[in-house]
N, C-alpha and C. Protein backbone atom coordinates (compact mmCIF):
# COMPACT_ATOMS: atom_id res chain seq x y z
N GLN A 1 0.88 -1.19 0.08
CA GLN A 1 -0.02 0.13 0.06
C GLN A 1 0.86 1.25 -0.01
N GLN A 2 2.05 1.21 0.63
CA GLN A 2 2.82 2.37 0.76
C GLN A 2 3.38 2.82 -0.55
N LEU A 3 3.68 1.74 -1.34
CA LEU A 3 4.31 1.89 -2.67
C LEU A 3 3.21 2.52 -3.54
N ALA A 4 2.09 2.04 -3.37
CA ALA A 4 0.91 2.62 -4.23
C ALA A 4 0.77 4.14 -3.92
N ASP A 5 0.76 4.47 -2.61
CA ASP A 5 0.58 5.71 -2.38
C ASP A 5 1.76 6.64 -2.74
N SER A 6 2.75 6.21 -2.94
CA SER A 6 4.05 7.02 -3.32
C SER A 6 4.02 7.19 -4.84
N LEU A 7 3.42 6.42 -5.49
CA LEU A 7 3.44 6.48 -7.00
C LEU A 7 2.81 7.83 -7.53
N PRO A 8 3.28 8.37 -8.73
CA PRO A 8 2.55 9.68 -9.23
C PRO A 8 1.23 9.23 -9.69
N SER A 9 0.36 10.30 -9.84
CA SER A 9 -1.00 10.01 -10.41
C SER A 9 -0.69 9.65 -11.85
N ASN A 10 -1.93 9.15 -12.32
CA ASN A 10 -1.97 8.48 -13.72
C ASN A 10 -1.49 9.74 -14.69
N ASP A 11 -1.92 10.94 -14.41
CA ASP A 11 -1.54 12.01 -15.47
C ASP A 11 -0.04 12.07 -15.38
N HIS A 12 0.56 12.22 -14.19
CA HIS A 12 2.05 12.21 -14.23
C HIS A 12 2.78 10.93 -14.73
N LEU A 13 2.16 9.73 -14.56
CA LEU A 13 2.62 8.55 -15.19
C LEU A 13 2.68 8.86 -16.73
N GLN A 14 1.61 9.34 -17.21
CA GLN A 14 1.62 9.56 -18.72
C GLN A 14 2.46 10.52 -19.18
N SER A 15 2.75 11.69 -18.24
CA SER A 15 3.79 12.70 -18.80
C SER A 15 5.39 12.02 -18.70
N ILE A 16 5.44 11.21 -17.75
CA ILE A 16 6.84 10.50 -17.54
C ILE A 16 6.97 9.53 -18.68
N LEU A 17 5.77 8.79 -19.03
CA LEU A 17 6.04 7.88 -20.19
C LEU A 17 6.36 8.62 -21.43
N ARG A 18 5.57 9.64 -21.77
CA ARG A 18 5.85 10.56 -22.88
C ARG A 18 7.36 11.09 -22.95
N GLY A 19 7.77 11.51 -21.98
CA GLY A 19 9.34 11.86 -21.75
C GLY A 19 10.31 10.56 -22.06
N LEU A 20 9.97 9.45 -21.52
CA LEU A 20 10.64 8.10 -21.82
C LEU A 20 10.63 7.83 -23.14
N LEU A 21 9.58 7.82 -23.85
CA LEU A 21 9.33 7.46 -25.27
C LEU A 21 10.03 8.43 -26.16
N ASP A 22 9.87 9.79 -25.79
CA ASP A 22 10.46 10.75 -26.70
C ASP A 22 12.25 10.50 -26.60
N HIS A 23 12.68 10.11 -25.32
CA HIS A 23 14.09 9.77 -25.36
C HIS A 23 14.42 8.61 -26.06
N LEU A 24 13.57 7.57 -25.97
CA LEU A 24 13.78 6.31 -26.79
C LEU A 24 13.93 6.55 -28.25
N ALA A 25 13.05 7.42 -28.74
CA ALA A 25 12.76 7.72 -30.18
C ALA A 25 13.93 8.70 -30.69
N ASP A 26 14.70 9.17 -29.75
CA ASP A 26 15.85 10.15 -30.21
C ASP A 26 17.04 9.47 -30.52
N GLU A 27 17.40 9.51 -31.93
CA GLU A 27 18.40 8.70 -32.54
C GLU A 27 19.79 9.09 -31.75
N LYS A 28 19.84 10.36 -31.13
CA LYS A 28 21.22 10.79 -30.67
C LYS A 28 21.24 10.32 -29.14
N ALA A 29 20.24 9.63 -28.58
CA ALA A 29 20.20 9.26 -27.19
C ALA A 29 21.24 8.21 -27.03
N ALA A 30 22.06 8.25 -26.00
CA ALA A 30 23.03 7.23 -25.75
C ALA A 30 22.32 5.94 -25.24
N TYR A 31 22.76 4.81 -25.49
CA TYR A 31 22.22 3.53 -24.84
C TYR A 31 22.40 3.51 -23.36
N ALA A 32 23.21 4.29 -22.75
CA ALA A 32 23.51 4.35 -21.18
C ALA A 32 22.16 5.14 -20.63
N THR A 33 21.60 5.88 -21.53
CA THR A 33 20.46 6.65 -20.92
C THR A 33 19.10 6.04 -21.54
N ALA A 34 19.17 5.35 -22.60
CA ALA A 34 17.96 4.63 -23.21
C ALA A 34 17.80 3.41 -22.26
N LEU A 35 18.74 2.77 -21.63
CA LEU A 35 18.66 1.36 -20.89
C LEU A 35 17.73 1.96 -19.53
N PRO A 36 17.98 2.97 -18.66
CA PRO A 36 17.17 3.16 -17.68
C PRO A 36 15.73 3.44 -18.11
N ALA A 37 15.62 4.07 -19.22
CA ALA A 37 14.13 4.37 -19.72
C ALA A 37 13.52 2.93 -20.05
N LEU A 38 14.09 2.20 -20.62
CA LEU A 38 13.40 0.94 -20.79
C LEU A 38 13.16 0.11 -19.54
N ARG A 39 14.19 0.06 -18.55
CA ARG A 39 13.98 -0.53 -17.27
C ARG A 39 12.73 -0.05 -16.51
N ILE A 40 12.66 1.22 -16.57
CA ILE A 40 11.36 1.93 -15.94
C ILE A 40 10.16 1.29 -16.66
N MET A 41 10.02 1.30 -17.91
CA MET A 41 8.90 0.73 -18.48
C MET A 41 8.65 -0.87 -18.25
N VAL A 42 9.89 -1.56 -18.13
CA VAL A 42 9.73 -2.84 -17.72
C VAL A 42 9.13 -3.03 -16.28
N MET A 43 9.61 -2.14 -15.31
CA MET A 43 9.16 -2.26 -14.08
C MET A 43 7.63 -1.91 -14.01
N TRP A 44 7.24 -0.80 -14.72
CA TRP A 44 5.84 -0.51 -14.81
C TRP A 44 4.91 -1.61 -15.46
N ALA A 45 5.53 -2.23 -16.29
CA ALA A 45 4.79 -3.56 -16.97
C ALA A 45 4.68 -4.60 -15.99
N GLN A 46 5.67 -4.88 -15.15
CA GLN A 46 5.56 -5.95 -14.25
C GLN A 46 4.57 -5.54 -13.08
N GLN A 47 4.30 -4.28 -12.87
CA GLN A 47 3.48 -3.99 -11.67
C GLN A 47 2.03 -3.58 -12.31
N GLU A 48 1.83 -3.91 -13.50
CA GLU A 48 0.72 -3.46 -14.27
C GLU A 48 0.41 -2.02 -14.28
N LEU A 49 1.33 -1.31 -14.30
CA LEU A 49 1.14 0.21 -14.23
C LEU A 49 1.18 0.82 -15.59
N LEU A 50 1.76 0.01 -16.76
CA LEU A 50 1.97 0.44 -17.90
C LEU A 50 0.74 0.24 -18.83
N LYS A 51 -0.17 -0.76 -18.37
CA LYS A 51 -1.53 -1.13 -19.10
C LYS A 51 -2.26 0.12 -19.47
N PRO A 52 -2.73 1.05 -18.48
CA PRO A 52 -3.57 2.04 -18.70
C PRO A 52 -3.06 3.16 -19.62
N ILE A 53 -1.69 3.08 -19.77
CA ILE A 53 -1.15 4.24 -20.49
C ILE A 53 -0.44 3.72 -21.84
N LEU A 54 -0.59 2.42 -21.91
CA LEU A 54 -0.08 1.75 -23.10
C LEU A 54 -0.50 2.26 -24.47
N PHE A 55 -1.63 2.69 -24.51
CA PHE A 55 -2.40 2.97 -25.89
C PHE A 55 -2.06 4.42 -26.40
N GLN A 56 -1.01 5.01 -25.85
CA GLN A 56 -0.52 6.11 -26.67
C GLN A 56 0.42 5.54 -27.72
N SER A 57 -0.29 4.60 -28.65
CA SER A 57 0.42 3.82 -29.50
C SER A 57 1.35 4.49 -30.39
N GLU A 58 0.88 5.67 -31.02
CA GLU A 58 1.86 6.32 -32.08
C GLU A 58 3.26 6.61 -31.34
N MET A 59 3.18 7.11 -30.23
CA MET A 59 4.38 7.61 -29.52
C MET A 59 5.23 6.25 -29.14
N MET A 60 4.54 5.26 -28.73
CA MET A 60 5.07 3.99 -28.27
C MET A 60 5.72 3.27 -29.67
N LYS A 61 4.93 3.29 -30.60
CA LYS A 61 5.31 2.70 -31.83
C LYS A 61 6.75 3.32 -32.48
N LYS A 62 6.75 4.60 -32.46
CA LYS A 62 7.84 5.37 -32.83
C LYS A 62 9.08 5.12 -32.04
N ALA A 63 8.87 5.15 -30.75
CA ALA A 63 9.92 4.79 -29.91
C ALA A 63 10.60 3.35 -29.98
N LEU A 64 9.61 2.41 -29.96
CA LEU A 64 10.04 0.96 -29.96
C LEU A 64 10.78 0.55 -31.41
N CYS A 65 10.25 1.34 -32.50
CA CYS A 65 10.82 0.95 -33.73
C CYS A 65 12.14 1.69 -33.86
N ALA A 66 12.22 2.94 -33.33
CA ALA A 66 13.48 3.74 -33.33
C ALA A 66 14.59 2.81 -32.53
N ILE A 67 14.13 2.40 -31.32
CA ILE A 67 15.35 1.58 -30.47
C ILE A 67 15.67 0.32 -31.22
N LEU A 68 14.73 -0.38 -31.87
CA LEU A 68 14.89 -1.54 -32.80
C LEU A 68 15.88 -1.14 -33.75
N LYS A 69 15.63 -0.12 -34.72
CA LYS A 69 16.50 0.24 -35.74
C LYS A 69 17.93 0.48 -35.20
N ARG A 70 17.92 1.18 -34.08
CA ARG A 70 19.44 1.65 -33.56
C ARG A 70 20.07 0.20 -33.05
N LEU A 71 19.33 -0.51 -32.57
CA LEU A 71 20.18 -1.88 -32.16
C LEU A 71 20.54 -2.72 -33.43
N CYS A 72 19.83 -2.62 -34.37
CA CYS A 72 20.17 -3.26 -35.73
C CYS A 72 21.40 -2.81 -36.15
N SER A 73 21.61 -1.35 -36.16
CA SER A 73 22.86 -0.73 -36.72
C SER A 73 24.05 -1.16 -35.73
N ALA A 74 23.79 -1.30 -34.48
CA ALA A 74 24.74 -1.69 -33.33
C ALA A 74 25.23 -3.02 -33.70
N PHE A 75 24.44 -4.05 -34.28
CA PHE A 75 24.80 -5.34 -34.36
C PHE A 75 24.96 -5.39 -35.97
N GLY A 76 25.38 -4.50 -36.71
CA GLY A 76 25.40 -4.47 -38.04
C GLY A 76 26.30 -5.31 -38.72
N SER A 77 27.54 -5.44 -38.18
CA SER A 77 28.53 -6.25 -38.90
C SER A 77 29.17 -7.26 -38.11
N ALA A 78 29.60 -8.27 -38.67
CA ALA A 78 30.24 -9.28 -37.83
C ALA A 78 31.56 -8.99 -37.22
N GLU A 79 32.14 -7.76 -37.64
CA GLU A 79 33.40 -7.35 -37.05
C GLU A 79 32.98 -6.54 -35.94
N ALA A 80 31.76 -5.95 -35.78
CA ALA A 80 31.50 -5.10 -34.52
C ALA A 80 31.27 -5.92 -33.25
N THR A 81 31.93 -5.56 -32.29
CA THR A 81 31.56 -6.16 -31.07
C THR A 81 30.61 -5.32 -30.25
N PRO A 82 29.47 -5.76 -29.84
CA PRO A 82 28.42 -4.95 -29.23
C PRO A 82 29.02 -4.45 -27.85
N SER A 83 28.69 -3.17 -27.51
CA SER A 83 29.22 -2.81 -26.14
C SER A 83 28.28 -3.42 -24.98
N SER A 84 28.72 -3.32 -23.72
CA SER A 84 27.88 -3.80 -22.80
C SER A 84 26.57 -2.98 -22.71
N ASP A 85 26.59 -1.73 -22.84
CA ASP A 85 25.35 -0.84 -23.02
C ASP A 85 24.31 -1.44 -24.04
N GLU A 86 24.92 -1.71 -25.21
CA GLU A 86 23.98 -2.31 -26.27
C GLU A 86 23.55 -3.58 -25.93
N LEU A 87 24.25 -4.43 -25.51
CA LEU A 87 23.68 -5.74 -24.94
C LEU A 87 22.64 -5.53 -23.84
N SER A 88 22.83 -4.68 -22.81
CA SER A 88 21.99 -4.63 -21.79
C SER A 88 20.73 -3.94 -22.43
N THR A 89 20.77 -2.92 -23.26
CA THR A 89 19.71 -2.41 -23.88
C THR A 89 18.71 -3.41 -24.72
N LEU A 90 19.46 -4.20 -25.43
CA LEU A 90 18.74 -5.31 -26.17
C LEU A 90 18.13 -6.24 -25.25
N SER A 91 18.75 -6.71 -24.13
CA SER A 91 18.05 -7.63 -23.12
C SER A 91 16.85 -6.92 -22.57
N THR A 92 17.02 -5.69 -22.11
CA THR A 92 15.77 -5.07 -21.59
C THR A 92 14.62 -4.89 -22.47
N LEU A 93 15.06 -4.42 -23.75
CA LEU A 93 13.96 -4.18 -24.76
C LEU A 93 13.28 -5.58 -24.93
N LEU A 94 14.00 -6.66 -25.16
CA LEU A 94 13.30 -8.01 -25.25
C LEU A 94 12.38 -8.37 -24.07
N GLU A 95 12.96 -8.08 -22.96
CA GLU A 95 12.11 -8.38 -21.70
C GLU A 95 10.82 -7.39 -21.77
N LEU A 96 10.94 -6.25 -22.21
CA LEU A 96 9.68 -5.48 -22.21
C LEU A 96 8.78 -5.98 -23.32
N LEU A 97 9.24 -6.34 -24.50
CA LEU A 97 8.44 -7.01 -25.54
C LEU A 97 7.77 -8.25 -25.09
N GLN A 98 8.47 -9.08 -24.44
CA GLN A 98 8.04 -10.35 -23.81
C GLN A 98 6.84 -9.94 -22.82
N LEU A 99 7.11 -8.97 -21.92
CA LEU A 99 6.04 -8.70 -20.98
C LEU A 99 4.81 -8.10 -21.66
N LEU A 100 4.89 -7.55 -22.74
CA LEU A 100 3.70 -7.02 -23.45
C LEU A 100 3.07 -8.22 -24.31
N CYS A 101 3.82 -9.12 -24.59
CA CYS A 101 3.31 -10.15 -25.56
C CYS A 101 2.77 -11.35 -24.86
N TRP A 102 3.39 -11.84 -23.84
CA TRP A 102 3.11 -13.08 -23.01
C TRP A 102 2.48 -12.74 -21.89
N PRO A 103 1.57 -13.78 -21.38
CA PRO A 103 0.79 -13.48 -20.21
C PRO A 103 1.92 -13.50 -19.08
N VAL A 104 1.62 -12.78 -18.11
CA VAL A 104 2.44 -12.54 -16.94
C VAL A 104 1.59 -12.82 -15.58
N PRO A 105 2.24 -13.49 -14.53
CA PRO A 105 1.54 -13.86 -13.37
C PRO A 105 1.08 -12.43 -12.91
N SER A 106 -0.24 -12.31 -12.43
CA SER A 106 -0.68 -11.00 -11.67
C SER A 106 -0.97 -11.49 -10.18
N GLN A 107 -0.90 -10.43 -9.51
CA GLN A 107 -1.38 -10.61 -8.06
C GLN A 107 -2.74 -11.19 -7.77
N SER A 108 -3.62 -10.86 -8.94
CA SER A 108 -4.97 -11.01 -8.90
C SER A 108 -5.40 -12.33 -9.71
N SER A 109 -4.55 -13.05 -9.97
CA SER A 109 -4.71 -14.28 -10.97
C SER A 109 -5.34 -15.30 -10.11
N SER A 110 -6.11 -16.15 -10.74
CA SER A 110 -6.79 -17.23 -10.04
C SER A 110 -6.15 -18.51 -10.12
N ASP A 111 -6.50 -19.54 -9.51
CA ASP A 111 -6.09 -20.99 -9.74
C ASP A 111 -6.28 -21.50 -11.14
N GLU A 112 -7.43 -21.00 -11.83
CA GLU A 112 -7.90 -21.25 -13.06
C GLU A 112 -7.00 -20.71 -14.15
N ASP A 113 -6.38 -19.53 -13.83
CA ASP A 113 -5.69 -18.67 -14.91
C ASP A 113 -4.37 -18.22 -14.15
N PRO A 114 -3.50 -19.16 -13.81
CA PRO A 114 -2.42 -18.70 -13.08
C PRO A 114 -1.48 -17.99 -13.77
N ALA A 115 -1.57 -17.91 -15.00
CA ALA A 115 -0.66 -17.13 -15.96
C ALA A 115 -0.96 -15.62 -15.97
N GLY A 116 -2.35 -15.34 -15.66
CA GLY A 116 -2.59 -13.98 -15.85
C GLY A 116 -2.87 -13.72 -17.27
N GLN A 117 -2.91 -12.44 -17.77
CA GLN A 117 -3.03 -12.02 -19.12
C GLN A 117 -2.07 -11.19 -19.55
N ALA A 118 -1.88 -11.30 -20.99
CA ALA A 118 -0.74 -10.36 -21.56
C ALA A 118 -1.11 -8.94 -21.45
N LEU A 119 -0.37 -7.98 -21.50
CA LEU A 119 -0.71 -6.64 -21.21
C LEU A 119 -1.29 -6.20 -22.72
N LEU A 120 -0.96 -6.75 -23.68
CA LEU A 120 -1.55 -6.31 -24.90
C LEU A 120 -2.14 -7.55 -25.53
N ALA A 121 -3.26 -7.34 -26.37
CA ALA A 121 -3.71 -8.42 -27.17
C ALA A 121 -2.84 -8.50 -28.33
N ALA A 122 -2.72 -9.62 -29.07
CA ALA A 122 -1.91 -9.80 -30.27
C ALA A 122 -2.16 -8.69 -31.22
N LYS A 123 -3.33 -8.40 -31.53
CA LYS A 123 -3.69 -7.33 -32.50
C LYS A 123 -3.01 -6.05 -32.14
N ASP A 124 -3.16 -5.62 -30.84
CA ASP A 124 -2.51 -4.49 -30.38
C ASP A 124 -1.11 -4.44 -30.41
N LEU A 125 -0.44 -5.63 -30.18
CA LEU A 125 1.00 -5.69 -30.18
C LEU A 125 1.27 -5.39 -31.77
N HIS A 126 0.78 -6.15 -32.62
CA HIS A 126 1.01 -5.98 -34.05
C HIS A 126 0.94 -4.50 -34.48
N LYS A 127 -0.16 -3.90 -33.89
CA LYS A 127 -0.35 -2.32 -34.33
C LYS A 127 0.88 -1.54 -33.69
N LEU A 128 1.15 -1.87 -32.42
CA LEU A 128 2.32 -1.11 -31.82
C LEU A 128 3.43 -1.37 -32.53
N LEU A 129 3.78 -2.57 -33.08
CA LEU A 129 5.25 -2.66 -33.75
C LEU A 129 5.13 -2.60 -35.18
N SER A 130 3.98 -1.98 -35.74
CA SER A 130 3.67 -2.01 -37.25
C SER A 130 3.88 -3.30 -38.01
N TRP A 131 3.39 -4.40 -37.45
CA TRP A 131 3.59 -5.85 -37.92
C TRP A 131 2.54 -6.14 -38.82
N SER A 132 3.04 -6.65 -39.98
CA SER A 132 2.09 -7.33 -40.94
C SER A 132 2.96 -8.67 -41.62
N GLU A 133 2.18 -9.17 -42.38
CA GLU A 133 2.77 -10.23 -43.21
C GLU A 133 3.82 -9.70 -44.23
N LYS A 134 3.57 -8.40 -44.71
CA LYS A 134 4.39 -7.86 -45.73
C LYS A 134 5.67 -7.31 -45.31
N ASN A 135 5.89 -7.32 -43.96
CA ASN A 135 7.03 -6.57 -43.60
C ASN A 135 8.19 -7.35 -43.36
N GLY A 136 8.88 -7.98 -44.29
CA GLY A 136 9.99 -8.80 -44.06
C GLY A 136 11.16 -7.99 -43.69
N ASP A 137 11.02 -6.62 -44.03
CA ASP A 137 12.28 -5.75 -43.64
C ASP A 137 12.13 -5.12 -42.20
N HIS A 138 11.05 -5.57 -41.36
CA HIS A 138 10.80 -4.97 -40.21
C HIS A 138 12.16 -5.06 -39.30
N PRO A 139 12.34 -4.07 -38.50
CA PRO A 139 13.55 -3.95 -37.64
C PRO A 139 13.67 -5.20 -36.83
N LEU A 140 12.66 -5.80 -36.40
CA LEU A 140 12.99 -7.07 -35.45
C LEU A 140 13.34 -8.18 -36.22
N ARG A 141 12.89 -8.28 -37.58
CA ARG A 141 13.47 -9.32 -38.27
C ARG A 141 14.84 -9.02 -38.77
N GLU A 142 15.22 -7.97 -39.08
CA GLU A 142 16.50 -7.35 -39.36
C GLU A 142 17.50 -7.76 -38.16
N LEU A 143 16.95 -7.41 -37.11
CA LEU A 143 17.91 -7.68 -35.80
C LEU A 143 18.03 -9.10 -35.72
N ALA A 144 17.01 -9.97 -35.73
CA ALA A 144 17.09 -11.44 -35.71
C ALA A 144 18.17 -11.92 -36.73
N GLN A 145 18.09 -11.37 -37.94
CA GLN A 145 19.27 -11.87 -39.08
C GLN A 145 20.58 -11.44 -38.50
N ARG A 146 20.73 -10.27 -38.09
CA ARG A 146 21.96 -9.61 -37.74
C ARG A 146 22.67 -10.50 -36.31
N LEU A 147 21.72 -10.69 -35.51
CA LEU A 147 22.16 -11.44 -34.31
C LEU A 147 22.49 -12.79 -34.67
N THR A 148 21.72 -13.43 -35.51
CA THR A 148 22.12 -14.81 -35.96
C THR A 148 23.53 -14.71 -36.66
N ALA A 149 23.74 -13.93 -37.53
CA ALA A 149 25.08 -13.84 -38.32
C ALA A 149 26.17 -13.59 -37.19
N ASN A 150 25.91 -12.67 -36.26
CA ASN A 150 27.05 -12.41 -35.25
C ASN A 150 27.11 -13.56 -34.19
N SER A 151 26.19 -14.30 -33.94
CA SER A 151 26.27 -15.42 -32.93
C SER A 151 27.24 -16.39 -33.26
N HIS A 152 27.71 -16.39 -34.56
CA HIS A 152 28.59 -17.43 -34.90
C HIS A 152 29.91 -17.08 -34.32
N GLU A 153 30.36 -15.66 -34.29
CA GLU A 153 31.37 -15.18 -33.82
C GLU A 153 31.36 -14.94 -32.34
N GLU A 154 30.30 -14.71 -31.82
CA GLU A 154 30.12 -14.27 -30.33
C GLU A 154 28.92 -15.27 -29.81
N SER A 155 29.56 -16.23 -29.13
CA SER A 155 28.44 -17.06 -28.60
C SER A 155 27.64 -16.64 -27.63
N GLY A 156 27.85 -15.57 -26.92
CA GLY A 156 27.06 -14.95 -25.96
C GLY A 156 25.74 -14.43 -26.61
N LEU A 157 25.65 -14.23 -27.80
CA LEU A 157 24.46 -13.81 -28.51
C LEU A 157 23.35 -14.91 -28.76
N THR A 158 23.69 -16.07 -28.39
CA THR A 158 22.87 -17.04 -28.87
C THR A 158 21.60 -16.89 -28.08
N SER A 159 21.49 -16.66 -26.76
CA SER A 159 20.21 -16.44 -26.02
C SER A 159 19.46 -15.27 -26.69
N PHE A 160 20.04 -14.20 -27.16
CA PHE A 160 19.26 -13.05 -27.80
C PHE A 160 18.65 -13.58 -28.96
N VAL A 161 19.38 -14.70 -29.83
CA VAL A 161 18.90 -15.04 -30.92
C VAL A 161 17.57 -15.95 -30.73
N GLU A 162 17.67 -16.75 -29.57
CA GLU A 162 16.47 -17.56 -29.31
C GLU A 162 15.29 -16.63 -28.92
N GLU A 163 15.53 -15.71 -28.06
CA GLU A 163 14.50 -14.71 -27.75
C GLU A 163 13.74 -14.02 -28.63
N VAL A 164 14.62 -13.42 -29.70
CA VAL A 164 14.04 -12.74 -30.72
C VAL A 164 13.20 -13.71 -31.68
N ASN A 165 13.74 -14.92 -31.96
CA ASN A 165 13.07 -15.80 -32.73
C ASN A 165 11.78 -16.28 -32.02
N LEU A 166 11.72 -16.39 -30.72
CA LEU A 166 10.46 -16.84 -30.06
C LEU A 166 9.38 -15.58 -30.23
N LEU A 167 9.89 -14.33 -30.15
CA LEU A 167 9.04 -13.24 -30.25
C LEU A 167 8.54 -13.26 -31.59
N LEU A 168 9.50 -13.37 -32.65
CA LEU A 168 8.93 -13.45 -34.24
C LEU A 168 7.96 -14.48 -34.36
N ALA A 169 8.11 -15.75 -33.91
CA ALA A 169 7.21 -16.79 -33.96
C ALA A 169 5.87 -16.48 -33.36
N ALA A 170 5.92 -15.79 -32.31
CA ALA A 170 4.60 -15.34 -31.57
C ALA A 170 3.90 -14.41 -32.40
N LEU A 171 4.68 -13.44 -32.96
CA LEU A 171 4.08 -12.37 -33.72
C LEU A 171 3.57 -12.89 -34.97
N ASP A 172 4.25 -13.78 -35.65
CA ASP A 172 3.99 -14.43 -36.93
C ASP A 172 2.70 -15.45 -36.80
N GLU A 173 2.68 -16.08 -35.58
CA GLU A 173 1.47 -17.08 -35.42
C GLU A 173 0.07 -16.43 -35.15
N VAL A 174 0.15 -15.23 -34.80
CA VAL A 174 -1.19 -14.64 -34.52
C VAL A 174 -1.24 -13.35 -35.37
N LEU A 175 -1.06 -13.50 -36.61
CA LEU A 175 -1.34 -12.32 -37.68
C LEU A 175 -2.68 -11.95 -37.62
N PRO A 176 -3.12 -10.70 -37.61
CA PRO A 176 -4.59 -10.26 -37.62
C PRO A 176 -5.02 -10.49 -39.00
N SER A 177 -6.30 -10.93 -39.17
CA SER A 177 -6.86 -11.11 -40.48
C SER A 177 -6.92 -9.76 -41.06
N GLN A 178 -6.63 -9.78 -42.33
CA GLN A 178 -6.60 -8.65 -43.22
C GLN A 178 -7.95 -8.32 -43.82
């Protein structure tokens, strides 16, 4: 209860989220500052605070696609070794996308539904990521290809490849009907 009382109001949370999303969408923002922004969003998602303000989807879409594109360029060549900030940012971004996509246990879940509910329905996640059958060049697919290529040189990337491939499979599996 004390934590709930210390949180900002919904209006303030929305303002903070807009600031975080603007920062993530900024191509000049350093990974060292993008990482805490993503971690805050992960924490909010885990506490189910993100759900009521998630539907500022244009801002969210812009920010998520921007950070995915930046990560693609970070993992762009086999010669490039990703920095610890880039790896941490990728890990946290994948955690956020998984929290949005897959059911997470909630404090109010029952025995019949122990997994809880995903924060976003599949169709909403598709919209958020601008996902469709025709986007073979989506930044998430490009990131998967680059991670796969680089994982042959850097074995530490294998878990990232698996996580991105699981996310891609989940997104492809539930494509909205056109």
